[in-house]
Amino acid sequence: MQPIRVEREFRGKILSLETGKLAKQAHGAVLVQFGETVVLSAAVEGAPRGEDFFPLTVDYRERTYAAGKFPGGFKKREGAPGTKEILTARLADRPIRPLFPEQYINEVQVMSTVLSSDRENDPDILSIIGSSAALWISHMPFQGPIGAMRLGLVDNQLIPLPTYEQLENSGLDLVVAATRDAVCMIEGFAKELPEDDMAAAIMQAHKLIQTIIEMQMELRDRMGKGPKETLPAADHTFFESIKRSHFDAMRTAKQTEGKQNRAAAVDAVKNKIKEENAAPAGTTNWAGPSELQIKTALSKLEEAAVRDLILTGRRPDGRTSTDLRNLYSEVGLIPRVHGSSMFQRGETQALMVATLGGGQDEQKVDGLAEEYAKKFMLDYNFPPYSVGETRPIRSPGRREIGHGMLAERSLKPVVPSPEKFPYTIRLVSEILESNGSSSMATVCAGTLCLMDAGVPIKDPVAGISIGLVKEGDKHVLLTDIIGDEDHYGDMDFKVAGTQRGVTGIQLDLKIAGITEDIVRETLVQARKARIEILKHMLTTLKRPKKEISEFAPRLIRIKINTEKIGAVIGPGGKNIRALQESTGTQVSIEDDGTVTILGANKEGAEECRNRIEAMTEDVKVGRVYKGRVSSTPEFGAFVEIVPGRDGLCHISELSDGFVNRVTDIVKVGDIIEVVVIGIDDHDRIKLSRKALMRKEKAPAAAPAQNGEMD
């Protein structure tokens, strides 16, 4: 088979899809290229696992050879996926998963591998497109295709598929995935972008996506493949029977107050249904429903009850569609740490802790693009006790990494620049209770924690999640969704921002997509809730504290003449090591002369700064220095007044009395105070100790008598 290739132009570059040459044993494989960045996506179908869920796995891997680099670390090969790889896999998974039929439970794996990186174009968008294309050209019942588009905002212009460099100066980083008719995934971060502008950008991305969908349709047509086969409808006979007899009981149980009590009431209904439909003891040829059929039907019954309540205007916890749960927050509740906060919304509780550090605490990020350092980090932990469960404690999963990055990037636009606040900042969110939208609770707790730590943020940020239940032409939007509404609803639309605009947005769907009207309606409803939450947060702490914690290290940044860097460092690092040891600080010097001093306490940091300033300032006549005697020839004493710079205190200037021998007055190693009395044409420094001694002995001027003038 000859390779089949389709291509279109974006931003003056060719985006191409090709199949038929590589990975031909996969059930669908597509090579996606934009510029000189190339991603291979392959999809394979396996047999059902015998479970009641769809076992889809979407993976993304970056090979360092793609950028002409070696893997870091001792083992020179790629290992477990990094944060970027996990986040990109989630980007591709979320819009694809809802586009398979309900009755399809075969195992499906989609794998995207970066083969080439031009270090200009991010391969993540290509992996989403490739994943859809590989599934679309396969025999699997994928109800796509979808397209994906990233938009940047530079000089008030929306830029499709922006480069890394353009994104650095962009007020928006927006990724949208969509079918031909509807938006099915959004992930974006902005510098307080107004809701109307965000909605317009989303719809512009949807418009551009149409071309990418056309490319996939053309690729399948040129392969000679006809329309996708439809699967037989799922058998809901058993579900309909238990719905007729137990729907009202489940509906009542779902209105029980409190998450744990509600779960117990629901379990009671489920257990009754299981008992009624279990095989009698000793039965060998049971013709009734299997355990899997019962489990599936019970899940559908619970879903039907929740959705019916919402569509009739009654949420499981009794709120209206726009009500927030009860809010509570406080700061400074953990001793010794550099900042702490707790934010609670209903039964979702986030504890946040801040740590401040210096340059050595920055996170180095090395991938296919150029290495960079992060000075602001947020990590999210979701222990099993937060939902009353037990499970093994392992390394953070995809969900924890995704939620942490969503909160981090939502807060980043208000974090001050290193020039204004040079500390490295790490926030850690511990979810202590969870019943819906813990990532947005993390955003709220993060704002309060930053302010408690004395970080001068530009504006407070709050976050809220809006849900959706849609049946036919009727839909209901739900502010501040709980776990059941997230699990059985159709949408989890998270929006974070300040009073001025959106900083973070993420859309997850369980249906094929949503329209522009629902997008705009959601953004308006989310803003109203966000403003209400911000007002509550400001009653807890109005503004950032003026001083950082007494337990936080003190960081001072100064600028020195680049020609003086060598004097501060000294031969083999001698001077800077001595300086750090004597003041209890850590000192880093950049090539442009920026010196960062990190001290365990304020006094040590200030002493270090004063000494560096003394070392790097030009020696001036009349200035007093405290220096170390470095040698004592017969004619005087050489005194090191700044590291690497000696001056001569002549024997006649050592004392205000007669001096027979230099060593009668000073010895090597003595610390003495001297004043500069001259610098000759050869830049030699003349010092005097005698001048200071005479000044100390000079009598104070007599006070003027009444009626007398000085």
Foldseek 3Di string as FASTA:
>chain_A
DDKDKDWDDFPNWIWMWIDDPPPVVALFWIWIDTDFWIKIKGKHWAAFPPAQDAAEFFWEEEFLVQLPDFDDDDDGGDDDDDLVRLQLSCVLCQQQRLQADSPDRIHMYMYMYTNHDPLWFDCSQVSNLRSLLRCLLGLGNGNARKHKWWWFAAPNDTGIRGTPVRNVRTQKTKMWMAGLFFTAKIWMFGLFDALVVVLVNRVVRSVVGNVSRVNSVVRNVVVVDDDHDDDPDDDCVVLVVVCVVCLVQLLVLLQDADDVSSVVSLVVSLVVVCVVQPDPPPDDDDPTDDPNSSVSSSVVSNLVSQLVCVLVQAHSNGDGQQDWADWDKAWDPDPLFFIWMWIDTHQWIKIKGKAWAAPVPWDWDDDSHDIDTALEFEFEDEDPVQAPDDDDDDPDDSVRSNLRVQLRQQQVSFFDDCVVPVIRMYMYIYTNHAWADNSQSVNQRVQRRCLRQQGQTPFRKGKWWWFWADDPPDMGIHTRHTNSRVVSTFKTWMFMRGLSRTGIIIIGGSHNHDHSVVSSVVSVSGSVVGVVVSVVSCVNPVGRDNDIDQQHWDKDKDFFDLVLPCLCCDVVRVNVVVLCVVLVWDWDADNRRIIMITHRGDVSRVVSVVLVCQQRDDADAFDKAWFFFADFDFQFTWTCRHRPATATAGCPQQAPDDDPGRVVRDDGGDIAMWGFHDADPVRHTYIHPHVVVVVVVDDDDDDDDVPDDD
